[in-house]
């Protein structure tokens, strides 16, 4: 099976792990303001499928775009990059 190289991969912090096999990941990106040119941080939350339930709140994770797994879940957990403070 050929792997699609065009899938988005995002790095973010887990903000919720209360759902069954689903985590909520907050991803921060930066853009320049159109008027002032100042760099502004934008944050967006994505729901990701975590089959083994290995990610916990505060962990830094890598997620990848995939087919819809549920109505609002279209990312999956690739790996936990850094464990959060416990």
PDB file of N, CA and C in Angstrom:
ATOM      1  N   UNK A   1       0.840  -1.182   0.000  1.00  0.00           N
ATOM      2  CA  UNK A   1       0.000   0.000   0.000  1.00  0.00           C
ATOM      3  C   UNK A   1       0.880   1.237   0.000  1.00  0.00           C
ATOM      4  N   UNK A   2       0.667   2.145  -0.934  1.00  0.00           N
ATOM      5  CA  UNK A   2       1.465   3.356  -1.041  1.00  0.00           C
ATOM      6  C   UNK A   2       1.024   4.380  -0.002  1.00  0.00           C
ATOM      7  N   UNK A   3       1.995   5.033   0.616  1.00  0.00           N
ATOM      8  CA  UNK A   3       1.700   6.034   1.637  1.00  0.00           C
ATOM      9  C   UNK A   3       1.580   7.394   0.968  1.00  0.00           C
ATOM     10  N   UNK A   4       0.542   8.140   1.320  1.00  0.00           N
ATOM     11  CA  UNK A   4       0.319   9.465   0.738  1.00  0.00           C
ATOM     12  C   UNK A   4       1.197  10.477   1.455  1.00  0.00           C
ATOM     13  N   UNK A   5       2.055  11.167   0.717  1.00  0.00           N
ATOM     14  CA  UNK A   5       2.984  12.132   1.297  1.00  0.00           C
ATOM     15  C   UNK A   5       2.348  13.517   1.460  1.00  0.00           C
ATOM     16  N   UNK A   6       1.127  13.711   0.956  1.00  0.00           N
ATOM     17  CA  UNK A   6       0.508  15.026   0.988  1.00  0.00           C
ATOM     18  C   UNK A   6      -0.350  15.275   2.222  1.00  0.00           C
ATOM     19  N   UNK A   7      -0.330  14.377   3.195  1.00  0.00           N
ATOM     20  CA  UNK A   7      -1.140  14.544   4.391  1.00  0.00           C
ATOM     21  C   UNK A   7      -0.497  15.562   5.321  1.00  0.00           C
ATOM     22  N   UNK A   8      -1.335  16.416   5.922  1.00  0.00           N
ATOM     23  CA  UNK A   8      -0.828  17.420   6.857  1.00  0.00           C
ATOM     24  C   UNK A   8      -0.392  16.747   8.148  1.00  0.00           C
ATOM     25  N   UNK A   9       0.742  17.177   8.662  1.00  0.00           N
ATOM     26  CA  UNK A   9       1.219  16.737   9.972  1.00  0.00           C
ATOM     27  C   UNK A   9       1.367  17.975  10.838  1.00  0.00           C
ATOM     28  N   UNK A  10       0.779  17.926  12.031  1.00  0.00           N
ATOM     29  CA  UNK A  10       0.783  19.058  12.935  1.00  0.00           C
ATOM     30  C   UNK A  10       1.323  18.636  14.289  1.00  0.00           C
ATOM     31  N   UNK A  11       1.979  19.578  14.961  1.00  0.00           N
ATOM     32  CA  UNK A  11       2.489  19.354  16.306  1.00  0.00           C
ATOM     33  C   UNK A  11       1.731  20.243  17.259  1.00  0.00           C
ATOM     34  N   UNK A  12       1.264  19.676  18.362  1.00  0.00           N
ATOM     35  CA  UNK A  12       0.505  20.457  19.323  1.00  0.00           C
ATOM     36  C   UNK A  12       0.518  19.831  20.702  1.00  0.00           C
ATOM     37  N   UNK A  13      -0.231  20.463  21.609  1.00  0.00           N
ATOM     38  CA  UNK A  13      -0.295  20.031  23.003  1.00  0.00           C
ATOM     39  C   UNK A  13      -1.680  19.470  23.279  1.00  0.00           C
ATOM     40  N   UNK A  14      -1.743  18.343  23.962  1.00  0.00           N
ATOM     41  CA  UNK A  14      -3.018  17.720  24.317  1.00  0.00           C
ATOM     42  C   UNK A  14      -3.672  18.547  25.422  1.00  0.00           C
ATOM     43  N   UNK A  15      -4.907  18.993  25.184  1.00  0.00           N
ATOM     44  CA  UNK A  15      -5.639  19.772  26.184  1.00  0.00           C
ATOM     45  C   UNK A  15      -6.768  18.977  26.812  1.00  0.00           C
ATOM     46  N   UNK A  16      -7.162  17.840  26.204  1.00  0.00           N
ATOM     47  CA  UNK A  16      -8.209  17.001  26.774  1.00  0.00           C
ATOM     48  C   UNK A  16      -8.020  15.565  26.315  1.00  0.00           C
ATOM     49  N   UNK A  17      -8.236  14.641  27.256  1.00  0.00           N
ATOM     50  CA  UNK A  17      -8.196  13.213  26.920  1.00  0.00           C
ATOM     51  C   UNK A  17      -9.375  12.484  27.557  1.00  0.00           C
ATOM     52  N   UNK A  18     -10.467  13.185  27.776  1.00  0.00           N
ATOM     53  CA  UNK A  18     -11.617  12.627  28.481  1.00  0.00           C
ATOM     54  C   UNK A  18     -12.479  11.716  27.615  1.00  0.00           C
ATOM     55  N   UNK A  19     -12.389  11.851  26.297  1.00  0.00           N
ATOM     56  CA  UNK A  19     -13.200  11.025  25.406  1.00  0.00           C
ATOM     57  C   UNK A  19     -12.550   9.659  25.198  1.00  0.00           C
ATOM     58  N   UNK A  20     -13.351   8.685  24.834  1.00  0.00           N
ATOM     59  CA  UNK A  20     -12.862   7.336  24.600  1.00  0.00           C
ATOM     60  C   UNK A  20     -12.110   7.278  23.269  1.00  0.00           C
ATOM     61  N   UNK A  21     -10.796   6.997  23.309  1.00  0.00           N
ATOM     62  CA  UNK A  21      -9.921   6.874  22.131  1.00  0.00           C
ATOM     63  C   UNK A  21      -9.825   8.154  21.310  1.00  0.00           C
ATOM     64  N   UNK A  22     -10.124   9.311  21.903  1.00  0.00           N
ATOM     65  CA  UNK A  22     -10.034  10.592  21.203  1.00  0.00           C
ATOM     66  C   UNK A  22      -9.363  11.608  22.112  1.00  0.00           C
ATOM     67  N   UNK A  23      -8.447  12.387  21.539  1.00  0.00           N
ATOM     68  CA  UNK A  23      -7.802  13.465  22.285  1.00  0.00           C
ATOM     69  C   UNK A  23      -8.062  14.783  21.558  1.00  0.00           C
ATOM     70  N   UNK A  24      -8.021  15.873  22.299  1.00  0.00           N
ATOM     71  CA  UNK A  24      -8.132  17.205  21.714  1.00  0.00           C
ATOM     72  C   UNK A  24      -6.747  17.837  21.771  1.00  0.00           C
ATOM     73  N   UNK A  25      -6.257  18.280  20.616  1.00  0.00           N
ATOM     74  CA  UNK A  25      -4.910  18.830  20.496  1.00  0.00           C
ATOM     75  C   UNK A  25      -5.011  20.284  20.075  1.00  0.00           C
ATOM     76  N   UNK A  26      -4.303  21.165  20.805  1.00  0.00           N
ATOM     77  CA  UNK A  26      -4.278  22.585  20.462  1.00  0.00           C
ATOM     78  C   UNK A  26      -2.987  22.879  19.696  1.00  0.00           C
ATOM     79  N   UNK A  27      -3.142  23.392  18.477  1.00  0.00           N
ATOM     80  CA  UNK A  27      -2.006  23.675  17.602  1.00  0.00           C
ATOM     81  C   UNK A  27      -1.876  25.188  17.457  1.00  0.00           C
ATOM     82  N   UNK A  28      -0.673  25.709  17.700  1.00  0.00           N
ATOM     83  CA  UNK A  28      -0.412  27.138  17.579  1.00  0.00           C
ATOM     84  C   UNK A  28       0.357  27.410  16.288  1.00  0.00           C
ATOM     85  N   UNK A  29      -0.114  28.390  15.519  1.00  0.00           N
ATOM     86  CA  UNK A  29       0.572  28.821  14.301  1.00  0.00           C
ATOM     87  C   UNK A  29       0.761  30.327  14.359  1.00  0.00           C
ATOM     88  N   UNK A  30       1.660  30.838  13.559  1.00  0.00           N
ATOM     89  CA  UNK A  30       1.939  32.267  13.525  1.00  0.00           C
ATOM     90  C   UNK A  30       1.700  32.804  12.122  1.00  0.00           C
ATOM     91  N   UNK A  31       1.118  34.005  12.060  1.00  0.00           N
ATOM     92  CA  UNK A  31       0.921  34.705  10.796  1.00  0.00           C
ATOM     93  C   UNK A  31       1.251  36.172  10.996  1.00  0.00           C
ATOM     94  N   UNK A  32       1.634  36.841   9.934  1.00  0.00           N
ATOM     95  CA  UNK A  32       1.892  38.269  10.016  1.00  0.00           C
ATOM     96  C   UNK A  32       0.588  39.036   9.819  1.00  0.00           C
ATOM     97  N   UNK A  33       0.370  40.048  10.670  1.00  0.00           N
ATOM     98  CA  UNK A  33      -0.812  40.889  10.559  1.00  0.00           C
ATOM     99  C   UNK A  33      -0.752  41.673   9.250  1.00  0.00           C
ATOM    100  N   UNK A  34      -1.895  41.766   8.552  1.00  0.00           N
ATOM    101  CA  UNK A  34      -1.911  42.398   7.230  1.00  0.00           C
ATOM    102  C   UNK A  34      -1.656  43.906   7.290  1.00  0.00           C
ATOM    103  N   UNK A  35      -2.051  44.557   8.362  1.00  0.00           N
ATOM    104  CA  UNK A  35      -1.887  46.014   8.446  1.00  0.00           C
ATOM    105  C   UNK A  35      -0.555  46.394   9.090  1.00  0.00           C
ATOM    106  N   UNK A  36      -0.272  45.818  10.259  1.00  0.00           N
ATOM    107  CA  UNK A  36       0.893  46.238  11.028  1.00  0.00           C
ATOM    108  C   UNK A  36       2.134  45.388  10.778  1.00  0.00           C
ATOM    109  N   UNK A  37       1.964  44.220  10.184  1.00  0.00           N
ATOM    110  CA  UNK A  37       3.108  43.370   9.902  1.00  0.00           C
ATOM    111  C   UNK A  37       3.634  42.645  11.128  1.00  0.00           C
ATOM    112  N   UNK A  38       2.954  42.793  12.262  1.00  0.00           N
ATOM    113  CA  UNK A  38       3.388  42.137  13.492  1.00  0.00           C
ATOM    114  C   UNK A  38       3.008  40.659  13.453  1.00  0.00           C
ATOM    115  N   UNK A  39       3.852  39.832  14.011  1.00  0.00           N
ATOM    116  CA  UNK A  39       3.604  38.394  14.053  1.00  0.00           C
ATOM    117  C   UNK A  39       2.585  38.079  15.142  1.00  0.00           C
ATOM    118  N   UNK A  40       1.497  37.394  14.761  1.00  0.00           N
ATOM    119  CA  UNK A  40       0.407  37.098  15.677  1.00  0.00           C
ATOM    120  C   UNK A  40       0.242  35.590  15.781  1.00  0.00           C
ATOM    121  N   UNK A  41       0.035  35.105  17.019  1.00  0.00           N
ATOM    122  CA  UNK A  41      -0.155  33.674  17.243  1.00  0.00           C
ATOM    123  C   UNK A  41      -1.632  33.321  17.157  1.00  0.00           C
ATOM    124  N   UNK A  42      -1.940  32.269  16.410  1.00  0.00           N
ATOM    125  CA  UNK A  42      -3.298  31.754  16.296  1.00  0.00           C
ATOM    126  C   UNK A  42      -3.307  30.336  16.848  1.00  0.00           C
ATOM    127  N   UNK A  43      -4.369  29.992  17.569  1.00  0.00           N
ATOM    128  CA  UNK A  43      -4.493  28.654  18.135  1.00  0.00           C
ATOM    129  C   UNK A  43      -5.772  28.010  17.614  1.00  0.00           C
ATOM    130  N   UNK A  44      -5.678  26.721  17.303  1.00  0.00           N
ATOM    131  CA  UNK A  44      -6.836  25.985  16.837  1.00  0.00           C
ATOM    132  C   UNK A  44      -6.810  24.597  17.463  1.00  0.00           C
ATOM    133  N   UNK A  45      -7.986  24.076  17.779  1.00  0.00           N
ATOM    134  CA  UNK A  45      -8.094  22.758  18.392  1.00  0.00           C
ATOM    135  C   UNK A  45      -8.556  21.731  17.363  1.00  0.00           C
ATOM    136  N   UNK A  46      -7.903  20.586  17.383  1.00  0.00           N
ATOM    137  CA  UNK A  46      -8.257  19.474  16.513  1.00  0.00           C
ATOM    138  C   UNK A  46      -8.511  18.249  17.379  1.00  0.00           C
ATOM    139  N   UNK A  47      -9.466  17.416  16.958  1.00  0.00           N
ATOM    140  CA  UNK A  47      -9.705  16.143  17.626  1.00  0.00           C
ATOM    141  C   UNK A  47      -8.963  15.070  16.846  1.00  0.00           C
ATOM    142  N   UNK A  48      -8.253  14.214  17.586  1.00  0.00           N
ATOM    143  CA  UNK A  48      -7.443  13.180  16.955  1.00  0.00           C
ATOM    144  C   UNK A  48      -7.748  11.823  17.575  1.00  0.00           C
ATOM    145  N   UNK A  49      -7.674  10.793  16.748  1.00  0.00           N
ATOM    146  CA  UNK A  49      -7.927   9.424  17.190  1.00  0.00           C
ATOM    147  C   UNK A  49      -6.673   8.866  17.860  1.00  0.00           C
ATOM    148  N   UNK A  50      -6.828   8.373  19.082  1.00  0.00           N
ATOM    149  CA  UNK A  50      -5.725   7.798  19.858  1.00  0.00           C
ATOM    150  C   UNK A  50      -6.120   6.371  20.223  1.00  0.00           C
ATOM    151  N   UNK A  51      -5.775   5.415  19.361  1.00  0.00           N
ATOM    152  CA  UNK A  51      -6.232   4.031  19.506  1.00  0.00           C
ATOM    153  C   UNK A  51      -5.803   3.394  20.826  1.00  0.00           C
ATOM    154  N   UNK A  52      -4.550   3.603  21.239  1.00  0.00           N
ATOM    155  CA  UNK A  52      -4.029   2.957  22.445  1.00  0.00           C
ATOM    156  C   UNK A  52      -4.205   3.807  23.696  1.00  0.00           C
ATOM    157  N   UNK A  53      -4.761   4.982  23.567  1.00  0.00           N
ATOM    158  CA  UNK A  53      -4.975   5.929  24.672  1.00  0.00           C
ATOM    159  C   UNK A  53      -3.681   6.180  25.437  1.00  0.00           C
ATOM    160  N   UNK A  54      -2.600   6.475  24.690  1.00  0.00           N
ATOM    161  CA  UNK A  54      -1.296   6.703  25.310  1.00  0.00           C
ATOM    162  C   UNK A  54      -1.016   8.168  25.601  1.00  0.00           C
ATOM    163  N   UNK A  55      -1.690   9.110  24.966  1.00  0.00           N
ATOM    164  CA  UNK A  55      -1.443  10.536  25.189  1.00  0.00           C
ATOM    165  C   UNK A  55      -2.257  11.034  26.373  1.00  0.00           C
ATOM    166  N   UNK A  56      -1.622  11.872  27.186  1.00  0.00           N
ATOM    167  CA  UNK A  56      -2.270  12.467  28.355  1.00  0.00           C
ATOM    168  C   UNK A  56      -2.227  13.986  28.233  1.00  0.00           C
ATOM    169  N   UNK A  57      -2.997  14.665  29.069  1.00  0.00           N
ATOM    170  CA  UNK A  57      -3.053  16.131  29.049  1.00  0.00           C
ATOM    171  C   UNK A  57      -1.662  16.691  29.325  1.00  0.00           C
ATOM    172  N   UNK A  58      -1.231  17.653  28.499  1.00  0.00           N
ATOM    173  CA  UNK A  58       0.072  18.284  28.653  1.00  0.00           C
ATOM    174  C   UNK A  58       1.145  17.708  27.753  1.00  0.00           C
ATOM    175  N   UNK A  59       0.894  16.563  27.130  1.00  0.00           N
ATOM    176  CA  UNK A  59       1.886  15.952  26.239  1.00  0.00           C
ATOM    177  C   UNK A  59       1.954  16.709  24.918  1.00  0.00           C
ATOM    178  N   UNK A  60       3.149  16.780  24.347  1.00  0.00           N
ATOM    179  CA  UNK A  60       3.332  17.323  23.004  1.00  0.00           C
ATOM    180  C   UNK A  60       3.276  16.149  22.034  1.00  0.00           C
ATOM    181  N   UNK A  61       2.393  16.242  21.028  1.00  0.00           N
ATOM    182  CA  UNK A  61       2.151  15.112  20.132  1.00  0.00           C
ATOM    183  C   UNK A  61       2.239  15.529  18.670  1.00  0.00           C
ATOM    184  N   UNK A  62       2.422  14.528  17.816  1.00  0.00           N
ATOM    185  CA  UNK A  62       2.416  14.698  16.372  1.00  0.00           C
ATOM    186  C   UNK A  62       1.164  14.015  15.846  1.00  0.00           C
ATOM    187  N   UNK A  63       0.323  14.762  15.098  1.00  0.00           N
ATOM    188  CA  UNK A  63      -0.897  14.191  14.532  1.00  0.00           C
ATOM    189  C   UNK A  63      -0.856  14.319  13.016  1.00  0.00           C
ATOM    190  N   UNK A  64      -1.570  13.419  12.336  1.00  0.00           N
ATOM    191  CA  UNK A  64      -1.585  13.399  10.876  1.00  0.00           C
ATOM    192  C   UNK A  64      -3.017  13.341  10.372  1.00  0.00           C
ATOM    193  N   UNK A  65      -3.277  14.054   9.289  1.00  0.00           N
ATOM    194  CA  UNK A  65      -4.593  14.069   8.672  1.00  0.00           C
ATOM    195  C   UNK A  65      -4.918  12.694   8.093  1.00  0.00           C
ATOM    196  N   UNK A  66      -6.181  12.292   8.216  1.00  0.00           N
ATOM    197  CA  UNK A  66      -6.612  10.995   7.715  1.00  0.00           C
ATOM    198  C   UNK A  66      -8.075  11.098   7.291  1.00  0.00           C
ATOM    199  N   UNK A  67      -8.662   9.981   6.922  1.00  0.00           N
ATOM    200  CA  UNK A  67     -10.080   9.987   6.573  1.00  0.00           C
ATOM    201  C   UNK A  67     -10.894  10.271   7.828  1.00  0.00           C
ATOM    202  N   UNK A  68     -12.157  10.606   7.667  1.00  0.00           N
ATOM    203  CA  UNK A  68     -13.023  10.850   8.823  1.00  0.00           C
ATOM    204  C   UNK A  68     -13.206   9.556   9.617  1.00  0.00           C
ATOM    205  N   UNK A  69     -12.876   9.613  10.881  1.00  0.00           N
ATOM    206  CA  UNK A  69     -13.061   8.477  11.765  1.00  0.00           C
ATOM    207  C   UNK A  69     -14.387   8.627  12.503  1.00  0.00           C
ATOM    208  N   UNK A  70     -14.759   9.860  12.789  1.00  0.00           N
ATOM    209  CA  UNK A  70     -16.059  10.197  13.376  1.00  0.00           C
ATOM    210  C   UNK A  70     -16.477  11.525  12.750  1.00  0.00           C
ATOM    211  N   UNK A  71     -17.586  12.062  13.180  1.00  0.00           N
ATOM    212  CA  UNK A  71     -18.105  13.286  12.569  1.00  0.00           C
ATOM    213  C   UNK A  71     -17.123  14.455  12.680  1.00  0.00           C
ATOM    214  N   UNK A  72     -16.405  14.546  13.793  1.00  0.00           N
ATOM    215  CA  UNK A  72     -15.476  15.664  13.978  1.00  0.00           C
ATOM    216  C   UNK A  72     -14.023  15.228  14.079  1.00  0.00           C
ATOM    217  N   UNK A  73     -13.747  13.944  13.913  1.00  0.00           N
ATOM    218  CA  UNK A  73     -12.383  13.427  14.071  1.00  0.00           C
ATOM    219  C   UNK A  73     -11.813  13.071  12.703  1.00  0.00           C
ATOM    220  N   UNK A  74     -10.787  13.831  12.256  1.00  0.00           N
ATOM    221  CA  UNK A  74     -10.140  13.530  10.982  1.00  0.00           C
ATOM    222  C   UNK A  74      -8.622  13.674  11.063  1.00  0.00           C
ATOM    223  N   UNK A  75      -8.090  13.451  12.260  1.00  0.00           N
ATOM    224  CA  UNK A  75      -6.648  13.348  12.485  1.00  0.00           C
ATOM    225  C   UNK A  75      -6.407  12.096  13.302  1.00  0.00           C
ATOM    226  N   UNK A  76      -5.176  11.569  13.245  1.00  0.00           N
ATOM    227  CA  UNK A  76      -4.823  10.439  14.088  1.00  0.00           C
ATOM    228  C   UNK A  76      -3.470  10.708  14.728  1.00  0.00           C
ATOM    229  N   UNK A  77      -3.286  10.138  15.899  1.00  0.00           N
ATOM    230  CA  UNK A  77      -2.040  10.317  16.644  1.00  0.00           C
ATOM    231  C   UNK A  77      -0.939   9.493  15.993  1.00  0.00           C
ATOM    232  N   UNK A  78       0.186  10.133  15.690  1.00  0.00           N
ATOM    233  CA  UNK A  78       1.345   9.427  15.148  1.00  0.00           C
ATOM    234  C   UNK A  78       2.254   9.001  16.297  1.00  0.00           C
ATOM    235  N   UNK A  79       2.677   9.967  17.127  1.00  0.00           N
ATOM    236  CA  UNK A  79       3.502   9.616  18.290  1.00  0.00           C
ATOM    237  C   UNK A  79       3.492  10.749  19.301  1.00  0.00           C
ATOM    238  N   UNK A  80       3.841  10.380  20.532  1.00  0.00           N
ATOM    239  CA  UNK A  80       3.996  11.356  21.606  1.00  0.00           C
ATOM    240  C   UNK A  80       5.437  11.830  21.560  1.00  0.00           C
ATOM    241  N   UNK A  81       5.639  13.130  21.318  1.00  0.00           N
ATOM    242  CA  UNK A  81       6.991  13.663  21.194  1.00  0.00           C
ATOM    243  C   UNK A  81       7.627  13.934  22.562  1.00  0.00           C
ATOM    244  N   UNK A  82       6.817  14.485  23.479  1.00  0.00           N
ATOM    245  CA  UNK A  82       7.347  14.835  24.813  1.00  0.00           C
ATOM    246  C   UNK A  82       6.248  14.679  25.837  1.00  0.00           C
ATOM    247  N   UNK A  83       6.567  14.007  26.935  1.00  0.00           N
ATOM    248  CA  UNK A  83       5.587  13.848  28.013  1.00  0.00           C
ATOM    249  C   UNK A  83       5.453  15.159  28.782  1.00  0.00           C
ATOM    250  N   UNK A  84       4.215  15.460  29.195  1.00  0.00           N
ATOM    251  CA  UNK A  84       3.962  16.664  29.967  1.00  0.00           C
ATOM    252  C   UNK A  84       4.286  16.463  31.431  1.00  0.00           C
ATOM    253  N   UNK A  85       4.172  17.535  32.201  1.00  0.00           N
ATOM    254  CA  UNK A  85       4.425  17.458  33.642  1.00  0.00           C
ATOM    255  C   UNK A  85       3.310  16.649  34.307  1.00  0.00           C
ATOM    256  N   UNK A  86       3.686  15.737  35.157  1.00  0.00           N
ATOM    257  CA  UNK A  86       2.704  14.885  35.829  1.00  0.00           C
ATOM    258  C   UNK A  86       2.594  15.223  37.293  1.00  0.00           C
TER     259      UNK A  86
END
